[in-house]
Amino acid sequence: MIYDQAQPRLIRFALRRVATPEDAADVVAETFAIAWRKLDSIPDGDAALVWLFATGRNVIANLRRRDARRSEVVQRLSNELVEAVRSSGLPQEGTAVVAGQALSRLSDEDRDTLMLVAWDGVAVNQLGAVLGCSPTAARVRLHRARTRLKRALAAEDFDLKHSSRNEHAQSQRARPPEAFEEEPS
């Protein structure tokens, strides 16, 4: 009963406070999940709606903190990518920035898969155990993540064969980091 009465108002409440309808749906779902777990502590009458709004505000605050942490992680990964490019002997001017931008456009799952192999040194045959899937599924995920990264780099006019934006003659001999290379099947 409380769900039927409060749901439309809670949806409007969330839509006004978050960036996307998907985020609003997550806020409403999480708010009602909390309400379900704490059903005995929800007040009666109009106070129930107030309780749901307060809970929704807390869920939104958690969402914002999570998004801020995610942005910090993307920035940190971008900085690590810059450092990795510097230490790899690749041309530095512009290359790291472009690669970092491309990497930041990937989904969390793709970034995580690539980072596990490239930065954490997880072998492709062990990747499935880390990701919680079969070795074959892990190889497919890695292949797809690499493909999406290559597309993102291409969108930045980044030439993987030459590892630059075609601005440096020395890049003709440069080799891209192994995270961008395909594993032999």
N, C-alpha and C. Protein backbone atom coordinates (compact mmCIF):
# COMPACT_ATOMS: atom_id res chain seq x y z
N MET A 1 0.82 -1.18 0.00
CA MET A 1 0.00 0.00 0.00
C MET A 1 0.88 1.26 0.00
N ILE A 2 1.89 1.31 0.87
CA ILE A 2 2.77 2.48 0.90
C ILE A 2 3.49 2.62 -0.44
N TYR A 3 3.82 1.49 -1.05
CA TYR A 3 4.51 1.51 -2.34
C TYR A 3 3.63 2.20 -3.39
N ASP A 4 2.39 1.80 -3.49
CA ASP A 4 1.50 2.37 -4.50
C ASP A 4 1.30 3.86 -4.31
N GLN A 5 1.20 4.30 -3.06
CA GLN A 5 0.97 5.71 -2.78
C GLN A 5 2.23 6.55 -2.97
N ALA A 6 3.36 6.01 -2.58
CA ALA A 6 4.60 6.81 -2.55
C ALA A 6 5.42 6.73 -3.83
N GLN A 7 5.27 5.67 -4.57
CA GLN A 7 6.14 5.46 -5.73
C GLN A 7 6.15 6.61 -6.74
N PRO A 8 4.99 7.11 -7.19
CA PRO A 8 5.04 8.22 -8.17
C PRO A 8 5.74 9.47 -7.62
N ARG A 9 5.48 9.79 -6.36
CA ARG A 9 6.11 10.98 -5.76
C ARG A 9 7.60 10.76 -5.57
N LEU A 10 7.98 9.54 -5.19
CA LEU A 10 9.39 9.24 -4.99
C LEU A 10 10.14 9.27 -6.33
N ILE A 11 9.50 8.83 -7.39
CA ILE A 11 10.12 8.89 -8.73
C ILE A 11 10.36 10.35 -9.12
N ARG A 12 9.34 11.20 -8.96
CA ARG A 12 9.51 12.62 -9.28
C ARG A 12 10.59 13.25 -8.41
N PHE A 13 10.61 12.90 -7.13
CA PHE A 13 11.63 13.37 -6.18
C PHE A 13 13.03 13.02 -6.70
N ALA A 14 13.21 11.77 -7.09
CA ALA A 14 14.52 11.32 -7.56
C ALA A 14 14.89 11.96 -8.90
N LEU A 15 13.95 12.06 -9.81
CA LEU A 15 14.23 12.64 -11.14
C LEU A 15 14.72 14.08 -11.04
N ARG A 16 14.22 14.82 -10.06
CA ARG A 16 14.64 16.21 -9.90
C ARG A 16 16.04 16.34 -9.30
N ARG A 17 16.57 15.24 -8.75
CA ARG A 17 17.82 15.34 -8.01
C ARG A 17 19.01 14.59 -8.61
N VAL A 18 18.76 13.77 -9.61
CA VAL A 18 19.86 13.02 -10.22
C VAL A 18 19.93 13.31 -11.72
N ALA A 19 21.03 12.91 -12.33
CA ALA A 19 21.30 13.30 -13.71
C ALA A 19 20.51 12.51 -14.76
N THR A 20 20.24 11.25 -14.50
CA THR A 20 19.61 10.43 -15.54
C THR A 20 18.40 9.70 -14.99
N PRO A 21 17.47 9.33 -15.86
CA PRO A 21 16.33 8.51 -15.42
C PRO A 21 16.77 7.17 -14.84
N GLU A 22 17.87 6.64 -15.37
CA GLU A 22 18.39 5.37 -14.85
C GLU A 22 18.83 5.52 -13.40
N ASP A 23 19.52 6.63 -13.11
CA ASP A 23 19.93 6.90 -11.73
C ASP A 23 18.71 7.06 -10.84
N ALA A 24 17.69 7.74 -11.34
CA ALA A 24 16.45 7.92 -10.56
C ALA A 24 15.81 6.57 -10.26
N ALA A 25 15.77 5.72 -11.25
CA ALA A 25 15.21 4.38 -11.05
C ALA A 25 16.01 3.61 -10.00
N ASP A 26 17.33 3.75 -10.04
CA ASP A 26 18.17 3.09 -9.03
C ASP A 26 17.89 3.64 -7.64
N VAL A 27 17.72 4.96 -7.54
CA VAL A 27 17.43 5.59 -6.25
C VAL A 27 16.11 5.07 -5.70
N VAL A 28 15.10 5.04 -6.53
CA VAL A 28 13.78 4.58 -6.08
C VAL A 28 13.84 3.11 -5.68
N ALA A 29 14.49 2.30 -6.49
CA ALA A 29 14.60 0.87 -6.18
C ALA A 29 15.35 0.65 -4.86
N GLU A 30 16.45 1.34 -4.68
CA GLU A 30 17.23 1.19 -3.46
C GLU A 30 16.45 1.71 -2.25
N THR A 31 15.72 2.80 -2.42
CA THR A 31 14.92 3.34 -1.32
C THR A 31 13.87 2.34 -0.88
N PHE A 32 13.18 1.73 -1.84
CA PHE A 32 12.17 0.74 -1.47
C PHE A 32 12.79 -0.55 -0.94
N ALA A 33 13.98 -0.89 -1.40
CA ALA A 33 14.67 -2.06 -0.84
C ALA A 33 15.00 -1.83 0.63
N ILE A 34 15.46 -0.63 0.94
CA ILE A 34 15.74 -0.29 2.34
C ILE A 34 14.44 -0.30 3.15
N ALA A 35 13.38 0.26 2.57
CA ALA A 35 12.09 0.27 3.25
C ALA A 35 11.62 -1.15 3.54
N TRP A 36 11.82 -2.03 2.62
CA TRP A 36 11.41 -3.43 2.81
C TRP A 36 12.18 -4.06 3.97
N ARG A 37 13.50 -3.78 4.02
CA ARG A 37 14.32 -4.34 5.09
C ARG A 37 13.96 -3.74 6.45
N LYS A 38 13.48 -2.51 6.45
CA LYS A 38 13.18 -1.81 7.71
C LYS A 38 11.67 -1.57 7.85
N LEU A 39 10.89 -2.44 7.33
CA LEU A 39 9.44 -2.28 7.29
C LEU A 39 8.86 -1.97 8.68
N ASP A 40 9.40 -2.59 9.69
CA ASP A 40 8.87 -2.38 11.04
C ASP A 40 9.16 -0.99 11.59
N SER A 41 10.17 -0.31 11.06
CA SER A 41 10.52 1.01 11.60
C SER A 41 9.95 2.17 10.79
N ILE A 42 9.19 1.88 9.75
CA ILE A 42 8.57 2.95 8.94
C ILE A 42 7.34 3.46 9.68
N PRO A 43 7.24 4.77 9.88
CA PRO A 43 6.07 5.33 10.57
C PRO A 43 4.80 5.18 9.72
N ASP A 44 3.68 5.39 10.32
CA ASP A 44 2.39 5.29 9.62
C ASP A 44 2.01 6.62 9.00
N GLY A 45 1.08 6.56 8.07
CA GLY A 45 0.49 7.76 7.48
C GLY A 45 1.45 8.58 6.64
N ASP A 46 1.27 9.92 6.72
CA ASP A 46 2.09 10.84 5.94
C ASP A 46 3.56 10.79 6.34
N ALA A 47 3.82 10.38 7.57
CA ALA A 47 5.20 10.29 8.04
C ALA A 47 5.98 9.24 7.26
N ALA A 48 5.27 8.27 6.70
CA ALA A 48 5.94 7.23 5.90
C ALA A 48 6.56 7.84 4.65
N LEU A 49 5.85 8.77 4.02
CA LEU A 49 6.38 9.44 2.83
C LEU A 49 7.60 10.28 3.19
N VAL A 50 7.54 10.95 4.31
CA VAL A 50 8.67 11.75 4.77
C VAL A 50 9.86 10.83 5.02
N TRP A 51 9.61 9.68 5.63
CA TRP A 51 10.67 8.70 5.90
C TRP A 51 11.29 8.23 4.58
N LEU A 52 10.46 7.97 3.59
CA LEU A 52 10.96 7.54 2.27
C LEU A 52 11.78 8.64 1.60
N PHE A 53 11.33 9.89 1.70
CA PHE A 53 12.10 11.00 1.14
C PHE A 53 13.46 11.12 1.82
N ALA A 54 13.47 11.01 3.14
CA ALA A 54 14.74 11.10 3.87
C ALA A 54 15.66 9.95 3.46
N THR A 55 15.10 8.77 3.34
CA THR A 55 15.90 7.62 2.90
C THR A 55 16.39 7.83 1.48
N GLY A 56 15.52 8.36 0.62
CA GLY A 56 15.91 8.66 -0.76
C GLY A 56 17.04 9.67 -0.83
N ARG A 57 16.99 10.68 0.02
CA ARG A 57 18.09 11.67 0.08
C ARG A 57 19.40 11.00 0.45
N ASN A 58 19.35 10.07 1.40
CA ASN A 58 20.56 9.35 1.79
C ASN A 58 21.08 8.47 0.65
N VAL A 59 20.17 7.84 -0.06
CA VAL A 59 20.56 7.02 -1.21
C VAL A 59 21.22 7.90 -2.28
N ILE A 60 20.65 9.06 -2.53
CA ILE A 60 21.23 10.00 -3.51
C ILE A 60 22.61 10.46 -3.05
N ALA A 61 22.76 10.74 -1.78
CA ALA A 61 24.08 11.14 -1.26
C ALA A 61 25.10 10.02 -1.47
N ASN A 62 24.68 8.79 -1.22
CA ASN A 62 25.58 7.64 -1.46
C ASN A 62 25.92 7.52 -2.94
N LEU A 63 24.94 7.75 -3.81
CA LEU A 63 25.17 7.70 -5.25
C LEU A 63 26.20 8.76 -5.67
N ARG A 64 26.06 9.95 -5.13
CA ARG A 64 27.01 11.02 -5.47
C ARG A 64 28.41 10.71 -4.96
N ARG A 65 28.51 10.16 -3.75
CA ARG A 65 29.82 9.77 -3.24
C ARG A 65 30.43 8.67 -4.11
N ARG A 66 29.61 7.72 -4.52
CA ARG A 66 30.11 6.64 -5.38
C ARG A 66 30.60 7.20 -6.72
N ASP A 67 29.83 8.11 -7.29
CA ASP A 67 30.24 8.72 -8.56
C ASP A 67 31.53 9.52 -8.40
N ALA A 68 31.66 10.22 -7.27
CA ALA A 68 32.89 10.98 -7.03
C ALA A 68 34.08 10.04 -6.90
N ARG A 69 33.90 8.94 -6.19
CA ARG A 69 34.98 7.95 -6.07
C ARG A 69 35.33 7.37 -7.42
N ARG A 70 34.31 7.10 -8.24
CA ARG A 70 34.55 6.55 -9.57
C ARG A 70 35.35 7.55 -10.41
N SER A 71 35.01 8.83 -10.31
CA SER A 71 35.76 9.85 -11.05
C SER A 71 37.21 9.91 -10.57
N GLU A 72 37.40 9.77 -9.26
CA GLU A 72 38.76 9.76 -8.73
C GLU A 72 39.54 8.56 -9.24
N VAL A 73 38.87 7.41 -9.32
CA VAL A 73 39.53 6.20 -9.82
C VAL A 73 39.90 6.37 -11.29
N VAL A 74 38.99 6.92 -12.09
CA VAL A 74 39.29 7.15 -13.51
C VAL A 74 40.46 8.11 -13.64
N GLN A 75 40.49 9.15 -12.83
CA GLN A 75 41.60 10.10 -12.88
C GLN A 75 42.90 9.43 -12.48
N ARG A 76 42.85 8.61 -11.43
CA ARG A 76 44.05 7.91 -10.99
C ARG A 76 44.54 6.94 -12.07
N LEU A 77 43.60 6.22 -12.71
CA LEU A 77 43.99 5.32 -13.79
C LEU A 77 44.58 6.09 -14.96
N SER A 78 44.00 7.25 -15.24
CA SER A 78 44.54 8.09 -16.31
C SER A 78 45.96 8.52 -15.98
N ASN A 79 46.19 8.92 -14.71
CA ASN A 79 47.55 9.30 -14.30
C ASN A 79 48.51 8.12 -14.40
N GLU A 80 48.04 6.93 -14.02
CA GLU A 80 48.88 5.74 -14.13
C GLU A 80 49.19 5.44 -15.60
N LEU A 81 48.20 5.67 -16.46
CA LEU A 81 48.42 5.46 -17.89
C LEU A 81 49.48 6.43 -18.40
N VAL A 82 49.41 7.68 -17.98
CA VAL A 82 50.41 8.67 -18.37
C VAL A 82 51.79 8.19 -17.94
N GLU A 83 51.90 7.73 -16.70
CA GLU A 83 53.18 7.24 -16.19
C GLU A 83 53.65 6.00 -16.94
N ALA A 84 52.72 5.11 -17.26
CA ALA A 84 53.09 3.90 -18.00
C ALA A 84 53.60 4.24 -19.40
N VAL A 85 52.96 5.21 -20.04
CA VAL A 85 53.40 5.63 -21.37
C VAL A 85 54.79 6.27 -21.28
N ARG A 86 55.01 7.09 -20.25
CA ARG A 86 56.32 7.71 -20.08
C ARG A 86 57.42 6.66 -19.92
N SER A 87 57.15 5.65 -19.13
CA SER A 87 58.18 4.64 -18.86
C SER A 87 58.30 3.60 -19.97
N SER A 88 57.35 3.58 -20.91
CA SER A 88 57.40 2.58 -21.97
C SER A 88 58.24 2.99 -23.17
N GLY A 89 58.64 4.25 -23.21
CA GLY A 89 59.42 4.73 -24.34
C GLY A 89 58.56 5.23 -25.49
N LEU A 90 57.25 5.23 -25.30
CA LEU A 90 56.37 5.77 -26.35
C LEU A 90 56.49 7.29 -26.36
N PRO A 91 56.19 7.91 -27.48
CA PRO A 91 56.18 9.36 -27.51
C PRO A 91 55.21 9.88 -26.45
N GLN A 92 55.62 10.89 -25.70
CA GLN A 92 54.82 11.32 -24.57
C GLN A 92 53.87 12.46 -24.91
N GLU A 93 54.25 13.32 -25.76
CA GLU A 93 53.45 14.51 -26.01
C GLU A 93 52.13 14.14 -26.67
N GLY A 94 51.06 14.28 -25.96
CA GLY A 94 49.74 14.03 -26.50
C GLY A 94 49.30 12.58 -26.41
N THR A 95 50.21 11.65 -26.47
CA THR A 95 49.86 10.24 -26.50
C THR A 95 49.15 9.82 -25.22
N ALA A 96 49.72 10.14 -24.09
CA ALA A 96 49.14 9.74 -22.82
C ALA A 96 47.78 10.39 -22.60
N VAL A 97 47.65 11.63 -23.00
CA VAL A 97 46.38 12.33 -22.83
C VAL A 97 45.30 11.65 -23.66
N VAL A 98 45.62 11.35 -24.90
CA VAL A 98 44.65 10.71 -25.78
C VAL A 98 44.30 9.33 -25.26
N ALA A 99 45.30 8.56 -24.85
CA ALA A 99 45.04 7.22 -24.33
C ALA A 99 44.21 7.30 -23.05
N GLY A 100 44.52 8.24 -22.19
CA GLY A 100 43.75 8.41 -20.96
C GLY A 100 42.31 8.78 -21.22
N GLN A 101 42.08 9.65 -22.20
CA GLN A 101 40.72 10.03 -22.56
C GLN A 101 39.96 8.84 -23.12
N ALA A 102 40.61 8.07 -23.96
CA ALA A 102 39.96 6.89 -24.53
C ALA A 102 39.62 5.89 -23.43
N LEU A 103 40.54 5.68 -22.53
CA LEU A 103 40.33 4.74 -21.43
C LEU A 103 39.19 5.21 -20.52
N SER A 104 39.10 6.49 -20.29
CA SER A 104 38.05 7.00 -19.40
C SER A 104 36.66 6.86 -20.02
N ARG A 105 36.57 6.70 -21.34
CA ARG A 105 35.28 6.53 -22.00
C ARG A 105 34.76 5.10 -21.94
N LEU A 106 35.61 4.17 -21.57
CA LEU A 106 35.20 2.78 -21.51
C LEU A 106 34.32 2.53 -20.29
N SER A 107 33.56 1.46 -20.34
CA SER A 107 32.75 1.09 -19.18
C SER A 107 33.67 0.64 -18.05
N ASP A 108 33.14 0.64 -16.85
CA ASP A 108 33.92 0.18 -15.70
C ASP A 108 34.41 -1.24 -15.91
N GLU A 109 33.56 -2.09 -16.47
CA GLU A 109 33.93 -3.49 -16.70
C GLU A 109 35.08 -3.60 -17.70
N ASP A 110 35.02 -2.84 -18.80
CA ASP A 110 36.10 -2.89 -19.79
C ASP A 110 37.41 -2.36 -19.19
N ARG A 111 37.32 -1.22 -18.47
CA ARG A 111 38.53 -0.66 -17.85
C ARG A 111 39.13 -1.65 -16.87
N ASP A 112 38.28 -2.27 -16.07
CA ASP A 112 38.76 -3.22 -15.07
C ASP A 112 39.43 -4.41 -15.74
N THR A 113 38.84 -4.93 -16.78
CA THR A 113 39.41 -6.07 -17.49
C THR A 113 40.77 -5.71 -18.06
N LEU A 114 40.87 -4.57 -18.73
CA LEU A 114 42.15 -4.14 -19.30
C LEU A 114 43.19 -3.88 -18.22
N MET A 115 42.77 -3.25 -17.13
CA MET A 115 43.70 -2.94 -16.05
C MET A 115 44.21 -4.20 -15.37
N LEU A 116 43.33 -5.19 -15.21
CA LEU A 116 43.78 -6.43 -14.60
C LEU A 116 44.93 -7.05 -15.39
N VAL A 117 44.82 -7.02 -16.71
CA VAL A 117 45.86 -7.62 -17.55
C VAL A 117 47.07 -6.70 -17.66
N ALA A 118 46.82 -5.41 -17.93
CA ALA A 118 47.92 -4.49 -18.23
C ALA A 118 48.66 -4.02 -16.99
N TRP A 119 47.94 -3.62 -15.96
CA TRP A 119 48.59 -3.03 -14.79
C TRP A 119 48.82 -4.02 -13.66
N ASP A 120 47.85 -4.93 -13.48
CA ASP A 120 47.96 -5.85 -12.36
C ASP A 120 48.68 -7.13 -12.71
N GLY A 121 48.96 -7.33 -13.99
CA GLY A 121 49.73 -8.48 -14.42
C GLY A 121 49.00 -9.81 -14.34
N VAL A 122 47.67 -9.78 -14.35
CA VAL A 122 46.91 -11.03 -14.33
C VAL A 122 47.04 -11.67 -15.71
N ALA A 123 47.45 -12.93 -15.72
CA ALA A 123 47.59 -13.66 -16.98
C ALA A 123 46.20 -13.91 -17.56
N VAL A 124 46.14 -13.93 -18.87
CA VAL A 124 44.85 -14.11 -19.55
C VAL A 124 44.21 -15.42 -19.12
N ASN A 125 45.00 -16.47 -18.92
CA ASN A 125 44.40 -17.75 -18.51
C ASN A 125 43.91 -17.74 -17.06
N GLN A 126 44.27 -16.71 -16.27
CA GLN A 126 43.79 -16.57 -14.89
C GLN A 126 42.70 -15.52 -14.78
N LEU A 127 42.47 -14.78 -15.84
CA LEU A 127 41.52 -13.67 -15.82
C LEU A 127 40.11 -14.14 -15.46
N GLY A 128 39.70 -15.30 -15.95
CA GLY A 128 38.37 -15.82 -15.67
C GLY A 128 38.12 -16.01 -14.19
N ALA A 129 39.13 -16.50 -13.48
CA ALA A 129 38.97 -16.71 -12.04
C ALA A 129 38.78 -15.38 -11.32
N VAL A 130 39.46 -14.34 -11.76
CA VAL A 130 39.33 -13.02 -11.13
C VAL A 130 37.97 -12.41 -11.46
N LEU A 131 37.53 -12.56 -12.70
CA LEU A 131 36.26 -11.96 -13.12
C LEU A 131 35.05 -12.80 -12.74
N GLY A 132 35.28 -14.03 -12.29
CA GLY A 132 34.16 -14.90 -11.92
C GLY A 132 33.45 -15.50 -13.10
N CYS A 133 34.22 -15.83 -14.14
CA CYS A 133 33.64 -16.45 -15.32
C CYS A 133 34.61 -17.49 -15.86
N SER A 134 34.23 -18.15 -16.93
CA SER A 134 35.09 -19.18 -17.51
C SER A 134 36.28 -18.51 -18.21
N PRO A 135 37.38 -19.24 -18.40
CA PRO A 135 38.52 -18.68 -19.13
C PRO A 135 38.13 -18.21 -20.54
N THR A 136 37.24 -18.94 -21.19
CA THR A 136 36.81 -18.55 -22.53
C THR A 136 36.04 -17.23 -22.49
N ALA A 137 35.13 -17.12 -21.54
CA ALA A 137 34.36 -15.87 -21.41
C ALA A 137 35.29 -14.71 -21.08
N ALA A 138 36.30 -14.95 -20.26
CA ALA A 138 37.26 -13.90 -19.92
C ALA A 138 38.02 -13.45 -21.15
N ARG A 139 38.44 -14.40 -21.99
CA ARG A 139 39.14 -14.05 -23.23
C ARG A 139 38.24 -13.20 -24.14
N VAL A 140 36.98 -13.57 -24.21
CA VAL A 140 36.03 -12.81 -25.03
C VAL A 140 35.87 -11.40 -24.47
N ARG A 141 35.72 -11.29 -23.15
CA ARG A 141 35.60 -9.96 -22.53
C ARG A 141 36.83 -9.11 -22.80
N LEU A 142 38.00 -9.72 -22.66
CA LEU A 142 39.25 -9.00 -22.92
C LEU A 142 39.32 -8.56 -24.37
N HIS A 143 38.97 -9.46 -25.27
CA HIS A 143 39.00 -9.12 -26.71
C HIS A 143 38.05 -7.96 -27.00
N ARG A 144 36.85 -8.02 -26.44
CA ARG A 144 35.87 -6.96 -26.68
C ARG A 144 36.31 -5.64 -26.05
N ALA A 145 36.90 -5.71 -24.86
CA ALA A 145 37.39 -4.49 -24.21
C ALA A 145 38.50 -3.86 -25.05
N ARG A 146 39.40 -4.70 -25.57
CA ARG A 146 40.48 -4.19 -26.42
C ARG A 146 39.92 -3.57 -27.69
N THR A 147 38.91 -4.21 -28.26
CA THR A 147 38.28 -3.68 -29.47
C THR A 147 37.64 -2.32 -29.20
N ARG A 148 36.94 -2.21 -28.08
CA ARG A 148 36.31 -0.93 -27.74
C ARG A 148 37.37 0.13 -27.45
N LEU A 149 38.47 -0.26 -26.81
CA LEU A 149 39.55 0.69 -26.56
C LEU A 149 40.16 1.16 -27.89
N LYS A 150 40.37 0.24 -28.80
CA LYS A 150 40.91 0.62 -30.12
C LYS A 150 39.96 1.58 -30.83
N ARG A 151 38.66 1.33 -30.73
CA ARG A 151 37.68 2.24 -31.34
C ARG A 151 37.74 3.62 -30.70
N ALA A 152 37.84 3.64 -29.38
CA ALA A 152 37.92 4.91 -28.66
C ALA A 152 39.20 5.65 -29.04
N LEU A 153 40.29 4.93 -29.20
CA LEU A 153 41.55 5.56 -29.62
C LEU A 153 41.43 6.07 -31.05
N ALA A 154 40.78 5.30 -31.91
CA ALA A 154 40.59 5.73 -33.30
C ALA A 154 39.73 6.99 -33.35
N ALA A 155 38.76 7.09 -32.47
CA ALA A 155 37.91 8.28 -32.42
C ALA A 155 38.72 9.51 -32.04
N GLU A 156 39.81 9.30 -31.34
CA GLU A 156 40.72 10.39 -30.97
C GLU A 156 41.80 10.60 -32.04
N ASP A 157 41.66 9.92 -33.17
CA ASP A 157 42.64 9.99 -34.25
C ASP A 157 44.01 9.49 -33.78
N PHE A 158 43.97 8.46 -32.98
CA PHE A 158 45.18 7.85 -32.42
C PHE A 158 45.52 6.63 -33.25
N ASP A 159 46.69 6.60 -33.82
CA ASP A 159 47.11 5.51 -34.69
C ASP A 159 47.86 4.47 -33.86
N LEU A 160 47.22 3.32 -33.61
CA LEU A 160 47.86 2.29 -32.79
C LEU A 160 49.14 1.76 -33.42
N LYS A 161 49.18 1.66 -34.72
CA LYS A 161 50.38 1.14 -35.38
C LYS A 161 51.58 2.05 -35.15
N HIS A 162 51.28 3.33 -35.03
CA HIS A 162 52.37 4.30 -34.83
C HIS A 162 52.36 4.90 -33.44
N SER A 163 51.36 4.52 -32.63
CA SER A 163 51.25 4.94 -31.23
C SER A 163 51.28 6.45 -31.04
N SER A 164 50.67 7.18 -31.95
CA SER A 164 50.60 8.62 -31.77
C SER A 164 49.48 9.19 -32.62
N ARG A 165 49.46 10.49 -32.67
CA ARG A 165 48.51 11.17 -33.55
C ARG A 165 49.22 11.55 -34.84
N ASN A 166 50.19 10.76 -35.25
CA ASN A 166 50.98 11.00 -36.45
C ASN A 166 51.75 12.30 -36.38
N GLU A 167 52.11 12.71 -35.15
CA GLU A 167 52.84 13.96 -34.99
C GLU A 167 54.33 13.74 -34.80
N HIS A 168 54.74 12.53 -34.51
CA HIS A 168 56.12 12.28 -34.16
C HIS A 168 56.74 11.24 -35.10
N ALA A 169 57.83 11.58 -35.70
CA ALA A 169 58.50 10.64 -36.60
C ALA A 169 59.00 9.43 -35.84
N GLN A 170 59.46 9.62 -34.60
CA GLN A 170 59.98 8.51 -33.83
C GLN A 170 58.89 7.49 -33.50
N SER A 171 57.64 7.89 -33.56
CA SER A 171 56.57 6.96 -33.22
C SER A 171 56.41 5.86 -34.27
N GLN A 172 57.05 6.03 -35.42
CA GLN A 172 56.97 4.99 -36.44
C GLN A 172 57.54 3.68 -35.92
N ARG A 173 58.48 3.76 -34.97
CA ARG A 173 59.12 2.56 -34.44
C ARG A 173 58.54 2.16 -33.08
N ALA A 174 57.66 2.97 -32.51
CA ALA A 174 57.17 2.71 -31.16
C ALA A 174 56.21 1.53 -31.16
N ARG A 175 56.20 0.82 -30.05
CA ARG A 175 55.34 -0.33 -29.90
C ARG A 175 54.30 -0.02 -28.81
N PRO A 176 53.00 -0.26 -29.07
CA PRO A 176 51.98 0.06 -28.07
C PRO A 176 52.11 -0.85 -26.84
N PRO A 177 51.59 -0.39 -25.70
CA PRO A 177 51.61 -1.22 -24.50
C PRO A 177 50.86 -2.53 -24.75
N GLU A 178 51.27 -3.58 -24.04
CA GLU A 178 50.69 -4.90 -24.29
C GLU A 178 49.21 -4.98 -23.99
N ALA A 179 48.67 -4.04 -23.22
CA ALA A 179 47.23 -4.07 -22.96
C ALA A 179 46.44 -3.84 -24.23
N PHE A 180 47.03 -3.21 -25.23
CA PHE A 180 46.34 -2.91 -26.46
C PHE A 180 46.54 -4.00 -27.50
N GLU A 181 47.43 -4.92 -27.26
CA GLU A 181 47.75 -5.96 -28.24
C GLU A 181 46.83 -7.15 -28.03
N GLU A 182 46.57 -7.86 -29.08
CA GLU A 182 45.78 -9.07 -29.02
C GLU A 182 46.65 -10.23 -28.58
N GLU A 183 46.10 -11.10 -27.75
CA GLU A 183 46.77 -12.33 -27.36
C GLU A 183 46.55 -13.37 -28.46
N PRO A 184 47.54 -14.18 -28.78
CA PRO A 184 47.27 -15.26 -29.73
C PRO A 184 46.32 -16.26 -29.09
N SER A 185 45.34 -16.71 -29.85
CA SER A 185 44.33 -17.63 -29.31
C SER A 185 44.81 -19.05 -29.36
